[in-house]
Amino acid sequence: MDIPLLVLVGFWLVLPSMIPNSAATIFGGGTPVDLGRSWNGKRILGDGKTWRGLIGGISAGISIGIIQLYIAFPFDRLDYFGFGGFPENLGVIVALAVGSLLGDMIGSFIKRRLEIGRGGKAPVMDQYGFLLTSFLLAIIFFPDWFFGNFWNGDGWVSLLAVLIITPIIHRGVNIIGYKMGLKKVPW
């Protein structure tokens, strides 16, 4: 496979993990996931992680994944353009969407321990936390899918492309969210 196609394949497959964070910002507000509780004198997650955002974000990630399967179905009924056969492909999509916001919440938990305020910068964690947790869940529950698409053969090219380009996309999406008034800071 040629490199541009491998890059596209990588991003096609991680789309269900890239959508939830932006969607959580759009759907967010309301009751915090940590219900306002503290641990060792510090908020567990903070007011920025809400149930509405969590449910809306995960639902958006799963929805985009289902749309991708629908797009792939007429052309590739066995592998769904890399997502695997049914029903495993639904499990992969759920793992990616849930992993995305789980990674974001883990990052928020760590930031509260480090006394980094809401919206404060945490380079690397902010750009990769959601993605690495999505990959971790995929490796735990669907190792054949992950290694088949992101490691074996030319799959490592897709993985490398996703890891290199994700911070650029992350920054661009955050700037757009900031300009739209959805985020208080552009990072």
N, C-alpha and C. Protein backbone atom coordinates (compact mmCIF):
# COMPACT_ATOMS: atom_id res chain seq x y z
N MET A 1 0.85 -1.17 0.00
CA MET A 1 0.00 0.00 0.00
C MET A 1 0.90 1.24 0.00
N ASP A 2 0.47 2.29 -0.64
CA ASP A 2 1.30 3.50 -0.65
C ASP A 2 1.04 4.34 0.60
N ILE A 3 1.98 5.21 0.92
CA ILE A 3 1.98 5.96 2.17
C ILE A 3 0.73 6.84 2.34
N PRO A 4 0.31 7.62 1.33
CA PRO A 4 -0.91 8.43 1.54
C PRO A 4 -2.13 7.59 1.91
N LEU A 5 -2.26 6.42 1.30
CA LEU A 5 -3.38 5.55 1.62
C LEU A 5 -3.26 5.01 3.05
N LEU A 6 -2.05 4.67 3.48
CA LEU A 6 -1.84 4.19 4.85
C LEU A 6 -2.16 5.28 5.88
N VAL A 7 -1.85 6.53 5.54
CA VAL A 7 -2.19 7.65 6.42
C VAL A 7 -3.71 7.78 6.53
N LEU A 8 -4.40 7.72 5.39
CA LEU A 8 -5.86 7.81 5.39
C LEU A 8 -6.49 6.65 6.16
N VAL A 9 -5.97 5.46 5.97
CA VAL A 9 -6.49 4.29 6.70
C VAL A 9 -6.35 4.50 8.20
N GLY A 10 -5.18 4.99 8.63
CA GLY A 10 -4.97 5.23 10.06
C GLY A 10 -6.00 6.19 10.63
N PHE A 11 -6.25 7.29 9.93
CA PHE A 11 -7.21 8.27 10.44
C PHE A 11 -8.65 7.79 10.30
N TRP A 12 -8.94 7.02 9.27
CA TRP A 12 -10.27 6.41 9.13
C TRP A 12 -10.57 5.55 10.36
N LEU A 13 -9.58 4.76 10.77
CA LEU A 13 -9.79 3.83 11.87
C LEU A 13 -9.83 4.50 13.24
N VAL A 14 -9.18 5.63 13.42
CA VAL A 14 -9.20 6.29 14.74
C VAL A 14 -10.26 7.38 14.84
N LEU A 15 -11.02 7.61 13.79
CA LEU A 15 -12.05 8.64 13.84
C LEU A 15 -13.01 8.49 15.02
N PRO A 16 -13.46 7.26 15.37
CA PRO A 16 -14.34 7.14 16.54
C PRO A 16 -13.68 7.55 17.86
N SER A 17 -12.36 7.66 17.89
CA SER A 17 -11.70 8.14 19.11
C SER A 17 -11.38 9.63 19.02
N MET A 18 -11.45 10.21 17.85
CA MET A 18 -11.14 11.63 17.70
C MET A 18 -12.37 12.52 17.87
N ILE A 19 -13.53 12.01 17.62
CA ILE A 19 -14.77 12.78 17.69
C ILE A 19 -15.25 13.04 19.12
N PRO A 20 -15.15 12.09 20.05
CA PRO A 20 -15.77 12.28 21.37
C PRO A 20 -15.34 13.52 22.15
N ASN A 21 -14.07 13.91 22.11
CA ASN A 21 -13.66 15.07 22.90
C ASN A 21 -14.32 16.36 22.41
N SER A 22 -14.36 16.55 21.10
CA SER A 22 -15.02 17.74 20.57
C SER A 22 -16.52 17.69 20.86
N ALA A 23 -17.11 16.54 20.70
CA ALA A 23 -18.54 16.39 20.96
C ALA A 23 -18.85 16.62 22.44
N ALA A 24 -17.98 16.18 23.32
CA ALA A 24 -18.20 16.39 24.76
C ALA A 24 -18.22 17.88 25.08
N THR A 25 -17.40 18.65 24.38
CA THR A 25 -17.40 20.10 24.58
C THR A 25 -18.73 20.70 24.14
N ILE A 26 -19.26 20.20 23.04
CA ILE A 26 -20.53 20.72 22.51
C ILE A 26 -21.70 20.32 23.41
N PHE A 27 -21.73 19.05 23.84
CA PHE A 27 -22.84 18.54 24.64
C PHE A 27 -22.70 18.83 26.13
N GLY A 28 -21.50 19.23 26.56
CA GLY A 28 -21.18 19.37 27.98
C GLY A 28 -22.04 20.36 28.74
N GLY A 29 -21.77 20.42 30.02
CA GLY A 29 -22.53 21.25 30.95
C GLY A 29 -23.33 20.36 31.86
N GLY A 30 -23.79 20.92 32.94
CA GLY A 30 -24.60 20.15 33.86
C GLY A 30 -23.79 19.53 34.98
N THR A 31 -24.22 18.38 35.42
CA THR A 31 -23.64 17.71 36.58
C THR A 31 -22.26 17.16 36.28
N PRO A 32 -21.27 17.53 37.12
CA PRO A 32 -19.92 16.97 36.91
C PRO A 32 -19.88 15.47 37.17
N VAL A 33 -19.04 14.77 36.44
CA VAL A 33 -18.89 13.32 36.61
C VAL A 33 -18.47 13.00 38.04
N ASP A 34 -17.62 13.84 38.63
CA ASP A 34 -17.16 13.58 40.00
C ASP A 34 -18.14 14.08 41.06
N LEU A 35 -19.28 14.61 40.61
CA LEU A 35 -20.34 15.12 41.49
C LEU A 35 -19.84 16.17 42.47
N GLY A 36 -18.77 16.88 42.09
CA GLY A 36 -18.22 17.94 42.92
C GLY A 36 -17.34 17.45 44.06
N ARG A 37 -17.04 16.17 44.07
CA ARG A 37 -16.25 15.60 45.17
C ARG A 37 -14.76 15.88 45.01
N SER A 38 -14.09 15.83 46.14
CA SER A 38 -12.64 16.03 46.18
C SER A 38 -11.97 14.79 46.73
N TRP A 39 -10.68 14.70 46.46
CA TRP A 39 -9.85 13.62 46.98
C TRP A 39 -8.54 14.25 47.42
N ASN A 40 -8.18 14.05 48.66
CA ASN A 40 -6.99 14.68 49.23
C ASN A 40 -7.00 16.20 49.04
N GLY A 41 -8.17 16.78 49.20
CA GLY A 41 -8.30 18.22 49.13
C GLY A 41 -8.34 18.81 47.73
N LYS A 42 -8.35 17.98 46.71
CA LYS A 42 -8.38 18.47 45.33
C LYS A 42 -9.54 17.80 44.60
N ARG A 43 -10.20 18.57 43.72
CA ARG A 43 -11.29 17.99 42.94
C ARG A 43 -10.80 16.75 42.20
N ILE A 44 -11.65 15.77 42.09
CA ILE A 44 -11.27 14.53 41.41
C ILE A 44 -11.06 14.80 39.92
N LEU A 45 -12.06 15.40 39.27
CA LEU A 45 -11.94 15.71 37.84
C LEU A 45 -12.16 17.19 37.54
N GLY A 46 -13.08 17.81 38.22
CA GLY A 46 -13.40 19.21 37.99
C GLY A 46 -14.73 19.37 37.26
N ASP A 47 -15.16 20.62 37.17
CA ASP A 47 -16.46 20.94 36.56
C ASP A 47 -16.49 20.74 35.05
N GLY A 48 -15.34 20.64 34.41
CA GLY A 48 -15.29 20.49 32.95
C GLY A 48 -15.65 19.11 32.45
N LYS A 49 -15.70 18.13 33.31
CA LYS A 49 -16.05 16.76 32.93
C LYS A 49 -17.45 16.47 33.45
N THR A 50 -18.43 16.54 32.55
CA THR A 50 -19.83 16.39 32.95
C THR A 50 -20.44 15.12 32.37
N TRP A 51 -21.53 14.70 32.99
CA TRP A 51 -22.23 13.51 32.51
C TRP A 51 -22.79 13.72 31.12
N ARG A 52 -23.33 14.91 30.88
CA ARG A 52 -23.86 15.21 29.54
C ARG A 52 -22.76 15.15 28.50
N GLY A 53 -21.60 15.71 28.82
CA GLY A 53 -20.47 15.67 27.90
C GLY A 53 -19.98 14.26 27.68
N LEU A 54 -19.90 13.48 28.76
CA LEU A 54 -19.43 12.10 28.66
C LEU A 54 -20.36 11.26 27.78
N ILE A 55 -21.64 11.32 28.08
CA ILE A 55 -22.62 10.53 27.31
C ILE A 55 -22.71 11.04 25.87
N GLY A 56 -22.75 12.36 25.70
CA GLY A 56 -22.82 12.93 24.35
C GLY A 56 -21.58 12.63 23.53
N GLY A 57 -20.41 12.72 24.16
CA GLY A 57 -19.16 12.45 23.46
C GLY A 57 -19.03 11.00 23.03
N ILE A 58 -19.31 10.09 23.97
CA ILE A 58 -19.22 8.65 23.63
C ILE A 58 -20.26 8.32 22.56
N SER A 59 -21.46 8.86 22.69
CA SER A 59 -22.52 8.60 21.69
C SER A 59 -22.10 9.11 20.31
N ALA A 60 -21.46 10.28 20.27
CA ALA A 60 -21.01 10.83 18.99
C ALA A 60 -19.92 9.94 18.38
N GLY A 61 -18.98 9.46 19.19
CA GLY A 61 -17.93 8.58 18.68
C GLY A 61 -18.49 7.28 18.14
N ILE A 62 -19.44 6.70 18.87
CA ILE A 62 -20.08 5.46 18.42
C ILE A 62 -20.89 5.73 17.16
N SER A 63 -21.59 6.85 17.13
CA SER A 63 -22.41 7.19 15.95
C SER A 63 -21.55 7.34 14.71
N ILE A 64 -20.43 8.03 14.82
CA ILE A 64 -19.57 8.20 13.64
C ILE A 64 -19.03 6.84 13.20
N GLY A 65 -18.71 5.98 14.16
CA GLY A 65 -18.24 4.64 13.82
C GLY A 65 -19.30 3.83 13.09
N ILE A 66 -20.54 3.93 13.53
CA ILE A 66 -21.64 3.22 12.86
C ILE A 66 -21.85 3.77 11.46
N ILE A 67 -21.73 5.08 11.31
CA ILE A 67 -21.82 5.69 9.98
C ILE A 67 -20.70 5.15 9.09
N GLN A 68 -19.49 5.02 9.63
CA GLN A 68 -18.38 4.47 8.86
C GLN A 68 -18.67 3.03 8.42
N LEU A 69 -19.25 2.23 9.32
CA LEU A 69 -19.61 0.85 8.95
C LEU A 69 -20.66 0.85 7.85
N TYR A 70 -21.62 1.76 7.96
CA TYR A 70 -22.67 1.88 6.94
C TYR A 70 -22.07 2.25 5.59
N ILE A 71 -21.10 3.16 5.60
CA ILE A 71 -20.42 3.55 4.36
C ILE A 71 -19.66 2.36 3.78
N ALA A 72 -19.00 1.60 4.63
CA ALA A 72 -18.17 0.49 4.17
C ALA A 72 -18.98 -0.73 3.72
N PHE A 73 -20.16 -0.92 4.30
CA PHE A 73 -20.94 -2.14 4.08
C PHE A 73 -21.12 -2.55 2.62
N PRO A 74 -21.53 -1.65 1.73
CA PRO A 74 -21.74 -2.09 0.35
C PRO A 74 -20.46 -2.53 -0.37
N PHE A 75 -19.31 -2.06 0.11
CA PHE A 75 -18.05 -2.31 -0.57
C PHE A 75 -17.20 -3.41 0.07
N ASP A 76 -17.34 -3.59 1.38
CA ASP A 76 -16.45 -4.50 2.09
C ASP A 76 -17.21 -5.13 3.27
N ARG A 77 -18.05 -6.10 2.96
CA ARG A 77 -18.92 -6.70 3.98
C ARG A 77 -18.19 -7.65 4.93
N LEU A 78 -16.94 -7.95 4.65
CA LEU A 78 -16.19 -8.85 5.53
C LEU A 78 -15.34 -8.10 6.54
N ASP A 79 -14.70 -7.01 6.08
CA ASP A 79 -13.75 -6.31 6.96
C ASP A 79 -14.17 -4.87 7.25
N TYR A 80 -15.20 -4.37 6.61
CA TYR A 80 -15.70 -3.01 6.84
C TYR A 80 -14.58 -1.98 6.82
N PHE A 81 -13.78 -2.00 5.78
CA PHE A 81 -12.66 -1.06 5.61
C PHE A 81 -11.75 -1.02 6.83
N GLY A 82 -11.43 -2.18 7.37
CA GLY A 82 -10.46 -2.26 8.47
C GLY A 82 -11.04 -2.41 9.85
N PHE A 83 -12.34 -2.23 10.02
CA PHE A 83 -12.93 -2.36 11.36
C PHE A 83 -13.19 -3.81 11.76
N GLY A 84 -13.06 -4.73 10.83
CA GLY A 84 -13.28 -6.13 11.15
C GLY A 84 -14.73 -6.53 10.92
N GLY A 85 -14.98 -7.81 11.10
CA GLY A 85 -16.32 -8.35 10.88
C GLY A 85 -17.28 -8.01 12.00
N PHE A 86 -18.56 -8.19 11.70
CA PHE A 86 -19.61 -7.95 12.67
C PHE A 86 -19.69 -9.14 13.63
N PRO A 87 -19.88 -8.97 14.91
CA PRO A 87 -20.12 -7.77 15.70
C PRO A 87 -18.84 -7.19 16.32
N GLU A 88 -17.69 -7.81 16.04
CA GLU A 88 -16.44 -7.30 16.61
C GLU A 88 -16.23 -5.83 16.27
N ASN A 89 -16.60 -5.44 15.06
CA ASN A 89 -16.39 -4.05 14.65
C ASN A 89 -17.13 -3.06 15.56
N LEU A 90 -18.30 -3.44 16.04
CA LEU A 90 -19.02 -2.57 16.98
C LEU A 90 -18.27 -2.45 18.30
N GLY A 91 -17.69 -3.56 18.75
CA GLY A 91 -16.89 -3.55 19.98
C GLY A 91 -15.67 -2.66 19.84
N VAL A 92 -15.02 -2.72 18.69
CA VAL A 92 -13.85 -1.86 18.43
C VAL A 92 -14.26 -0.40 18.51
N ILE A 93 -15.36 -0.06 17.89
CA ILE A 93 -15.84 1.33 17.87
C ILE A 93 -16.17 1.80 19.29
N VAL A 94 -16.83 0.97 20.06
CA VAL A 94 -17.14 1.33 21.46
C VAL A 94 -15.86 1.51 22.26
N ALA A 95 -14.90 0.61 22.09
CA ALA A 95 -13.62 0.72 22.82
C ALA A 95 -12.91 2.02 22.46
N LEU A 96 -12.91 2.40 21.20
CA LEU A 96 -12.26 3.64 20.78
C LEU A 96 -12.96 4.86 21.35
N ALA A 97 -14.29 4.89 21.30
CA ALA A 97 -15.05 6.05 21.78
C ALA A 97 -14.94 6.18 23.31
N VAL A 98 -15.12 5.08 24.01
CA VAL A 98 -15.02 5.11 25.48
C VAL A 98 -13.59 5.43 25.89
N GLY A 99 -12.62 4.81 25.23
CA GLY A 99 -11.21 5.06 25.55
C GLY A 99 -10.84 6.52 25.39
N SER A 100 -11.42 7.18 24.42
CA SER A 100 -11.12 8.58 24.18
C SER A 100 -11.46 9.44 25.40
N LEU A 101 -12.68 9.31 25.89
CA LEU A 101 -13.08 10.14 27.03
C LEU A 101 -12.52 9.61 28.35
N LEU A 102 -12.26 8.33 28.43
CA LEU A 102 -11.57 7.79 29.61
C LEU A 102 -10.17 8.40 29.71
N GLY A 103 -9.48 8.47 28.59
CA GLY A 103 -8.15 9.09 28.56
C GLY A 103 -8.21 10.56 28.93
N ASP A 104 -9.23 11.25 28.46
CA ASP A 104 -9.40 12.66 28.79
C ASP A 104 -9.64 12.83 30.28
N MET A 105 -10.45 11.95 30.87
CA MET A 105 -10.72 12.04 32.32
C MET A 105 -9.49 11.68 33.14
N ILE A 106 -8.72 10.70 32.70
CA ILE A 106 -7.47 10.37 33.39
C ILE A 106 -6.52 11.57 33.36
N GLY A 107 -6.44 12.22 32.21
CA GLY A 107 -5.63 13.43 32.09
C GLY A 107 -6.09 14.52 33.04
N SER A 108 -7.40 14.70 33.14
CA SER A 108 -7.96 15.70 34.04
C SER A 108 -7.64 15.35 35.50
N PHE A 109 -7.74 14.08 35.84
CA PHE A 109 -7.40 13.63 37.20
C PHE A 109 -5.94 13.95 37.52
N ILE A 110 -5.05 13.64 36.60
CA ILE A 110 -3.62 13.91 36.80
C ILE A 110 -3.37 15.41 36.90
N LYS A 111 -4.02 16.18 36.04
CA LYS A 111 -3.85 17.63 36.07
C LYS A 111 -4.30 18.22 37.41
N ARG A 112 -5.39 17.70 37.98
CA ARG A 112 -5.84 18.19 39.28
C ARG A 112 -4.80 17.86 40.36
N ARG A 113 -4.18 16.69 40.27
CA ARG A 113 -3.14 16.31 41.25
C ARG A 113 -1.92 17.22 41.12
N LEU A 114 -1.62 17.64 39.89
CA LEU A 114 -0.47 18.51 39.63
C LEU A 114 -0.82 19.99 39.80
N GLU A 115 -2.05 20.25 40.23
CA GLU A 115 -2.56 21.61 40.45
C GLU A 115 -2.55 22.46 39.18
N ILE A 116 -2.83 21.80 38.06
CA ILE A 116 -3.02 22.51 36.79
C ILE A 116 -4.52 22.78 36.69
N GLY A 117 -4.89 24.03 36.63
CA GLY A 117 -6.30 24.41 36.61
C GLY A 117 -7.02 24.00 35.34
N ARG A 118 -8.35 24.13 35.40
CA ARG A 118 -9.19 23.80 34.25
C ARG A 118 -8.74 24.64 33.05
N GLY A 119 -8.49 23.96 31.95
CA GLY A 119 -8.04 24.63 30.74
C GLY A 119 -6.53 24.84 30.69
N GLY A 120 -5.84 24.49 31.78
CA GLY A 120 -4.39 24.65 31.81
C GLY A 120 -3.70 23.68 30.87
N LYS A 121 -2.53 24.08 30.41
CA LYS A 121 -1.78 23.26 29.46
C LYS A 121 -1.11 22.08 30.16
N ALA A 122 -1.15 20.96 29.48
CA ALA A 122 -0.41 19.77 29.88
C ALA A 122 0.05 19.11 28.58
N PRO A 123 1.12 19.65 27.97
CA PRO A 123 1.57 19.11 26.68
C PRO A 123 1.77 17.59 26.75
N VAL A 124 1.64 16.95 25.68
CA VAL A 124 1.71 15.50 25.49
C VAL A 124 0.43 14.85 26.04
N MET A 125 0.12 15.06 27.33
CA MET A 125 -1.08 14.46 27.90
C MET A 125 -2.32 14.98 27.18
N ASP A 126 -2.37 16.28 26.91
CA ASP A 126 -3.54 16.84 26.23
C ASP A 126 -3.66 16.32 24.80
N GLN A 127 -2.56 16.17 24.10
CA GLN A 127 -2.60 15.76 22.70
C GLN A 127 -2.72 14.25 22.50
N TYR A 128 -2.22 13.48 23.44
CA TYR A 128 -2.16 12.03 23.23
C TYR A 128 -2.97 11.20 24.22
N GLY A 129 -3.39 11.75 25.34
CA GLY A 129 -4.08 10.96 26.36
C GLY A 129 -5.27 10.20 25.83
N PHE A 130 -6.13 10.91 25.09
CA PHE A 130 -7.34 10.28 24.56
C PHE A 130 -7.00 9.17 23.57
N LEU A 131 -6.00 9.39 22.75
CA LEU A 131 -5.63 8.43 21.71
C LEU A 131 -4.98 7.19 22.31
N LEU A 132 -4.06 7.41 23.25
CA LEU A 132 -3.35 6.27 23.85
C LEU A 132 -4.29 5.39 24.66
N THR A 133 -5.25 6.00 25.34
CA THR A 133 -6.22 5.20 26.10
C THR A 133 -7.15 4.45 25.15
N SER A 134 -7.51 5.06 24.04
CA SER A 134 -8.31 4.34 23.04
C SER A 134 -7.53 3.14 22.51
N PHE A 135 -6.26 3.36 22.20
CA PHE A 135 -5.43 2.25 21.72
C PHE A 135 -5.28 1.18 22.80
N LEU A 136 -5.11 1.59 24.05
CA LEU A 136 -4.95 0.62 25.13
C LEU A 136 -6.19 -0.26 25.25
N LEU A 137 -7.38 0.33 25.22
CA LEU A 137 -8.60 -0.48 25.28
C LEU A 137 -8.70 -1.41 24.07
N ALA A 138 -8.33 -0.90 22.91
CA ALA A 138 -8.36 -1.75 21.71
C ALA A 138 -7.37 -2.91 21.85
N ILE A 139 -6.20 -2.64 22.39
CA ILE A 139 -5.20 -3.71 22.58
C ILE A 139 -5.70 -4.74 23.58
N ILE A 140 -6.33 -4.27 24.66
CA ILE A 140 -6.83 -5.20 25.69
C ILE A 140 -7.96 -6.07 25.15
N PHE A 141 -8.94 -5.44 24.51
CA PHE A 141 -10.15 -6.17 24.10
C PHE A 141 -10.12 -6.69 22.67
N PHE A 142 -9.36 -6.05 21.79
CA PHE A 142 -9.31 -6.43 20.38
C PHE A 142 -7.88 -6.40 19.86
N PRO A 143 -6.98 -7.17 20.46
CA PRO A 143 -5.57 -7.10 20.07
C PRO A 143 -5.33 -7.45 18.60
N ASP A 144 -6.05 -8.42 18.07
CA ASP A 144 -5.86 -8.78 16.66
C ASP A 144 -6.20 -7.60 15.75
N TRP A 145 -7.26 -6.86 16.09
CA TRP A 145 -7.64 -5.69 15.29
C TRP A 145 -6.54 -4.64 15.36
N PHE A 146 -6.10 -4.30 16.57
CA PHE A 146 -5.10 -3.24 16.71
C PHE A 146 -3.80 -3.62 15.99
N PHE A 147 -3.25 -4.78 16.30
CA PHE A 147 -1.96 -5.15 15.71
C PHE A 147 -2.08 -5.40 14.21
N GLY A 148 -3.22 -5.91 13.77
CA GLY A 148 -3.42 -6.12 12.34
C GLY A 148 -3.47 -4.82 11.54
N ASN A 149 -3.98 -3.77 12.16
CA ASN A 149 -4.12 -2.49 11.46
C ASN A 149 -3.00 -1.49 11.74
N PHE A 150 -2.36 -1.59 12.91
CA PHE A 150 -1.41 -0.57 13.31
C PHE A 150 0.00 -1.08 13.61
N TRP A 151 0.25 -2.33 13.33
CA TRP A 151 1.60 -2.82 13.61
C TRP A 151 2.11 -3.76 12.53
N ASN A 152 1.36 -4.79 12.26
CA ASN A 152 1.80 -5.80 11.30
C ASN A 152 1.90 -5.23 9.89
N GLY A 153 2.82 -5.76 9.12
CA GLY A 153 3.00 -5.32 7.74
C GLY A 153 3.30 -3.83 7.68
N ASP A 154 2.52 -3.12 6.87
CA ASP A 154 2.68 -1.67 6.75
C ASP A 154 1.87 -0.89 7.79
N GLY A 155 1.19 -1.58 8.69
CA GLY A 155 0.34 -0.91 9.68
C GLY A 155 1.07 0.10 10.54
N TRP A 156 2.35 -0.14 10.78
CA TRP A 156 3.12 0.79 11.59
C TRP A 156 3.18 2.17 10.95
N VAL A 157 3.06 2.24 9.62
CA VAL A 157 3.06 3.54 8.94
C VAL A 157 1.79 4.31 9.33
N SER A 158 0.66 3.62 9.38
CA SER A 158 -0.60 4.24 9.80
C SER A 158 -0.48 4.74 11.24
N LEU A 159 0.09 3.92 12.11
CA LEU A 159 0.26 4.31 13.51
C LEU A 159 1.16 5.53 13.63
N LEU A 160 2.27 5.51 12.95
CA LEU A 160 3.21 6.64 12.99
C LEU A 160 2.56 7.92 12.47
N ALA A 161 1.81 7.81 11.39
CA ALA A 161 1.12 8.98 10.84
C ALA A 161 0.12 9.55 11.84
N VAL A 162 -0.65 8.68 12.47
CA VAL A 162 -1.62 9.13 13.46
C VAL A 162 -0.91 9.81 14.63
N LEU A 163 0.18 9.24 15.08
CA LEU A 163 0.91 9.82 16.21
C LEU A 163 1.56 11.16 15.86
N ILE A 164 2.00 11.33 14.64
CA ILE A 164 2.65 12.58 14.23
C ILE A 164 1.63 13.67 13.93
N ILE A 165 0.54 13.32 13.28
CA ILE A 165 -0.42 14.32 12.83
C ILE A 165 -1.45 14.70 13.89
N THR A 166 -1.73 13.81 14.83
CA THR A 166 -2.76 14.08 15.85
C THR A 166 -2.55 15.40 16.60
N PRO A 167 -1.33 15.73 17.06
CA PRO A 167 -1.19 17.03 17.77
C PRO A 167 -1.56 18.23 16.90
N ILE A 168 -1.30 18.14 15.61
CA ILE A 168 -1.65 19.24 14.70
C ILE A 168 -3.17 19.36 14.60
N ILE A 169 -3.84 18.24 14.44
CA ILE A 169 -5.31 18.24 14.37
C ILE A 169 -5.88 18.73 15.70
N HIS A 170 -5.32 18.24 16.80
CA HIS A 170 -5.78 18.62 18.14
C HIS A 170 -5.72 20.14 18.31
N ARG A 171 -4.61 20.72 17.93
CA ARG A 171 -4.42 22.18 18.06
C ARG A 171 -5.42 22.92 17.17
N GLY A 172 -5.57 22.48 15.93
CA GLY A 172 -6.50 23.13 15.01
C GLY A 172 -7.94 23.09 15.50
N VAL A 173 -8.36 21.94 15.98
CA VAL A 173 -9.73 21.80 16.49
C VAL A 173 -9.93 22.68 17.72
N ASN A 174 -8.93 22.76 18.59
CA ASN A 174 -9.05 23.60 19.77
C ASN A 174 -9.13 25.09 19.41
N ILE A 175 -8.38 25.50 18.42
CA ILE A 175 -8.45 26.90 17.97
C ILE A 175 -9.85 27.19 17.42
N ILE A 176 -10.39 26.27 16.64
CA ILE A 176 -11.74 26.45 16.10
C ILE A 176 -12.76 26.53 17.24
N GLY A 177 -12.65 25.62 18.22
CA GLY A 177 -13.55 25.64 19.38
C GLY A 177 -13.45 26.95 20.15
N TYR A 178 -12.25 27.46 20.28
CA TYR A 178 -12.02 28.73 20.97
C TYR A 178 -12.69 29.88 20.20
N LYS A 179 -12.49 29.91 18.89
CA LYS A 179 -13.07 30.98 18.07
C LYS A 179 -14.60 30.91 18.02
N MET A 180 -15.13 29.69 18.20
CA MET A 180 -16.58 29.52 18.23
C MET A 180 -17.17 29.82 19.61
N GLY A 181 -16.29 30.05 20.59
CA GLY A 181 -16.76 30.32 21.95
C GLY A 181 -17.07 29.08 22.75
N LEU A 182 -16.66 27.92 22.26
CA LEU A 182 -16.92 26.67 22.98
C LEU A 182 -15.82 26.35 23.99
N LYS A 183 -14.65 26.93 23.81
CA LYS A 183 -13.52 26.71 24.72
C LYS A 183 -13.01 28.07 25.20
N LYS A 184 -12.54 28.07 26.45
CA LYS A 184 -12.04 29.33 27.02
C LYS A 184 -10.59 29.60 26.64
N VAL A 185 -9.87 28.57 26.24
CA VAL A 185 -8.48 28.72 25.83
C VAL A 185 -8.26 27.99 24.50
N PRO A 186 -7.34 28.48 23.66
CA PRO A 186 -7.14 27.86 22.34
C PRO A 186 -6.19 26.67 22.31
N TRP A 187 -6.02 25.97 23.42
CA TRP A 187 -5.15 24.77 23.41
C TRP A 187 -5.85 23.58 23.97
